[in-house]
C-alpha atoms as a PDB file:
ATOM      1  CA  MET A   1      -0.034   0.032   0.005  1.00  0.00           C
ATOM      2  CA  VAL A   2       2.901   2.582   0.825  1.00  0.00           C
ATOM      3  CA  GLU A   3       4.479   1.557  -2.221  1.00  0.00           C
ATOM      4  CA  GLN A   4       1.804   1.991  -4.389  1.00  0.00           C
ATOM      5  CA  ARG A   5       1.038   5.494  -2.768  1.00  0.00           C
ATOM      6  CA  ARG A   6       4.701   6.607  -3.400  1.00  0.00           C
ATOM      7  CA  LYS A   7       4.707   5.403  -7.137  1.00  0.00           C
ATOM      8  CA  ASP A   8       1.528   7.371  -7.513  1.00  0.00           C
ATOM      9  CA  LEU A   9       3.243  10.256  -5.846  1.00  0.00           C
ATOM     10  CA  ILE A  10       6.223  10.113  -7.998  1.00  0.00           C
ATOM     11  CA  LEU A  11       4.221   9.869 -11.310  1.00  0.00           C
ATOM     12  CA  LYS A  12       2.280  12.939 -10.298  1.00  0.00           C
ATOM     13  CA  ARG A  13       5.203  14.804  -9.891  1.00  0.00           C
ATOM     14  CA  MET A  14       6.667  13.866 -13.146  1.00  0.00           C
ATOM     15  CA  ASN A  15       3.204  14.611 -15.027  1.00  0.00           C
ATOM     16  CA  GLN A  16       2.880  18.152 -13.354  1.00  0.00           C
ATOM     17  CA  PHE A  17       6.468  19.071 -14.058  1.00  0.00           C
ATOM     18  CA  ILE A  18       6.141  17.857 -17.877  1.00  0.00           C
ATOM     19  CA  ASP A  19       2.660  19.771 -18.163  1.00  0.00           C
ATOM     20  CA  GLY A  20       3.881  22.743 -16.202  1.00  0.00           C
ATOM     21  CA  GLU A  21       6.991  23.184 -18.495  1.00  0.00           C
ATOM     22  CA  GLY A  22       5.122  22.261 -21.794  1.00  0.00           C
ATOM     23  CA  TYR A  23       7.263  19.233 -22.510  1.00  0.00           C
ATOM     24  CA  ARG A  24       5.851  17.049 -25.382  1.00  0.00           C
ATOM     25  CA  LYS A  25       5.835  13.160 -24.867  1.00  0.00           C
ATOM     26  CA  ASP A  26       7.461  12.712 -28.283  1.00  0.00           C
ATOM     27  CA  TYR A  27      10.264  14.955 -27.133  1.00  0.00           C
ATOM     28  CA  LEU A  28      10.789  13.106 -24.097  1.00  0.00           C
ATOM     29  CA  ALA A  29      10.883   9.863 -25.861  1.00  0.00           C
ATOM     30  CA  ASP A  30      13.607  11.183 -28.348  1.00  0.00           C
ATOM     31  CA  LEU A  31      15.527  12.294 -25.333  1.00  0.00           C
ATOM     32  CA  LEU A  32      15.037   8.740 -23.474  1.00  0.00           C
ATOM     33  CA  GLY A  33      15.636   6.763 -26.961  1.00  0.00           C
ATOM     34  CA  GLU A  34      12.044   5.505 -26.372  1.00  0.00           C
ATOM     35  CA  LYS A  35       8.975   5.170 -28.420  1.00  0.00           C
ATOM     36  CA  PRO A  36       6.437   7.858 -27.609  1.00  0.00           C
ATOM     37  CA  GLN A  37       3.971   5.041 -26.478  1.00  0.00           C
ATOM     38  CA  THR A  38       6.344   3.837 -23.939  1.00  0.00           C
ATOM     39  CA  ILE A  39       6.572   7.272 -22.598  1.00  0.00           C
ATOM     40  CA  TYR A  40       2.763   7.543 -22.210  1.00  0.00           C
ATOM     41  CA  LYS A  41       2.624   4.097 -20.581  1.00  0.00           C
ATOM     42  CA  GLN A  42       5.426   5.186 -18.192  1.00  0.00           C
ATOM     43  CA  LEU A  43       3.638   8.104 -17.001  1.00  0.00           C
ATOM     44  CA  SER A  44       0.537   6.343 -16.703  1.00  0.00           C
ATOM     45  CA  GLY A  45       2.181   3.986 -14.460  1.00  0.00           C
ATOM     46  CA  LYS A  46       1.698   0.788 -16.600  1.00  0.00           C
ATOM     47  CA  PHE A  47       5.232  -0.148 -15.978  1.00  0.00           C
ATOM     48  CA  GLN A  48       6.364  -1.220 -12.523  1.00  0.00           C
ATOM     49  CA  ASN A  49       9.960   0.580 -12.109  1.00  0.00           C
ATOM     50  CA  VAL A  50       8.660   4.057 -11.693  1.00  0.00           C
ATOM     51  CA  GLU A  51      11.589   5.125  -9.575  1.00  0.00           C
ATOM     52  CA  GLN A  52      14.307   4.331 -12.427  1.00  0.00           C
ATOM     53  CA  PHE A  53      11.906   6.123 -14.881  1.00  0.00           C
ATOM     54  CA  ALA A  54      12.066   8.969 -12.780  1.00  0.00           C
ATOM     55  CA  ILE A  55      15.825   9.056 -12.389  1.00  0.00           C
ATOM     56  CA  ASP A  56      16.140   8.513 -16.169  1.00  0.00           C
ATOM     57  CA  LEU A  57      13.840  11.238 -16.875  1.00  0.00           C
ATOM     58  CA  ALA A  58      15.364  13.709 -14.431  1.00  0.00           C
ATOM     59  CA  ARG A  59      18.969  12.997 -16.102  1.00  0.00           C
ATOM     60  CA  VAL A  60      17.841  13.858 -19.469  1.00  0.00           C
ATOM     61  CA  LEU A  61      16.155  17.111 -18.038  1.00  0.00           C
ATOM     62  CA  ASN A  62      19.480  17.859 -16.477  1.00  0.00           C
ATOM     63  CA  LYS A  63      17.856  17.678 -12.928  1.00  0.00           C
ATOM     64  CA  LYS A  64      19.245  16.096  -9.857  1.00  0.00           C
ATOM     65  CA  ASP A  65      18.772  11.922 -10.375  1.00  0.00           C
ATOM     66  CA  THR A  66      16.252  12.265  -7.411  1.00  0.00           C
ATOM     67  CA  PHE A  67      14.386  15.406  -8.423  1.00  0.00           C
ATOM     68  CA  PHE A  68      11.133  13.657  -8.760  1.00  0.00           C
ATOM     69  CA  ILE A  69      11.667  11.388  -5.889  1.00  0.00           C
ATOM     70  CA  GLU A  70      12.711  13.605  -3.133  1.00  0.00           C
ATOM     71  CA  GLU A  71      10.413  14.284  -0.294  1.00  0.00           C
ATOM     72  CA  SER A  72      11.166  18.021  -0.498  1.00  0.00           C
ATOM     73  CA  PHE A  73       9.964  18.019  -4.287  1.00  0.00           C
ATOM     74  CA  SER A  74       8.039  21.190  -5.072  1.00  0.00           C
ATOM     75  CA  TYR A  75       7.008  22.434  -8.563  1.00  0.00           C
ATOM     76  CA  GLN A  76       5.313  25.738  -9.373  1.00  0.00           C
ATOM     77  CA  PRO A  77       5.153  26.495 -13.213  1.00  0.00           C
ATOM     78  CA  GLU A  78       6.191  30.091 -13.823  1.00  0.00           C
ATOM     79  CA  THR A  79       3.599  32.217 -14.985  1.00  0.00           C
ATOM     80  CA  GLY A  80       3.753  34.786 -17.792  1.00  0.00           C
ATOM     81  CA  ASP A  81       2.901  37.858 -15.873  1.00  0.00           C
END
């Protein structure tokens, strides 16, 4: 139960960041060397190893490996004010 909550939280963080920054899934797929369908499945939680995907995604986005995993994760998209 705890593991599933952690997985869901990491997925939520990744999706929040991707949506907030306006990244396209096909662009992320290119960066990761994957098919876009694989990225959609990863981000919807259809694969088991969410933490490894979070690390891989953080790396290609030039973030700290644990960016999406850390308890202190906080993301607020910049507004165009």
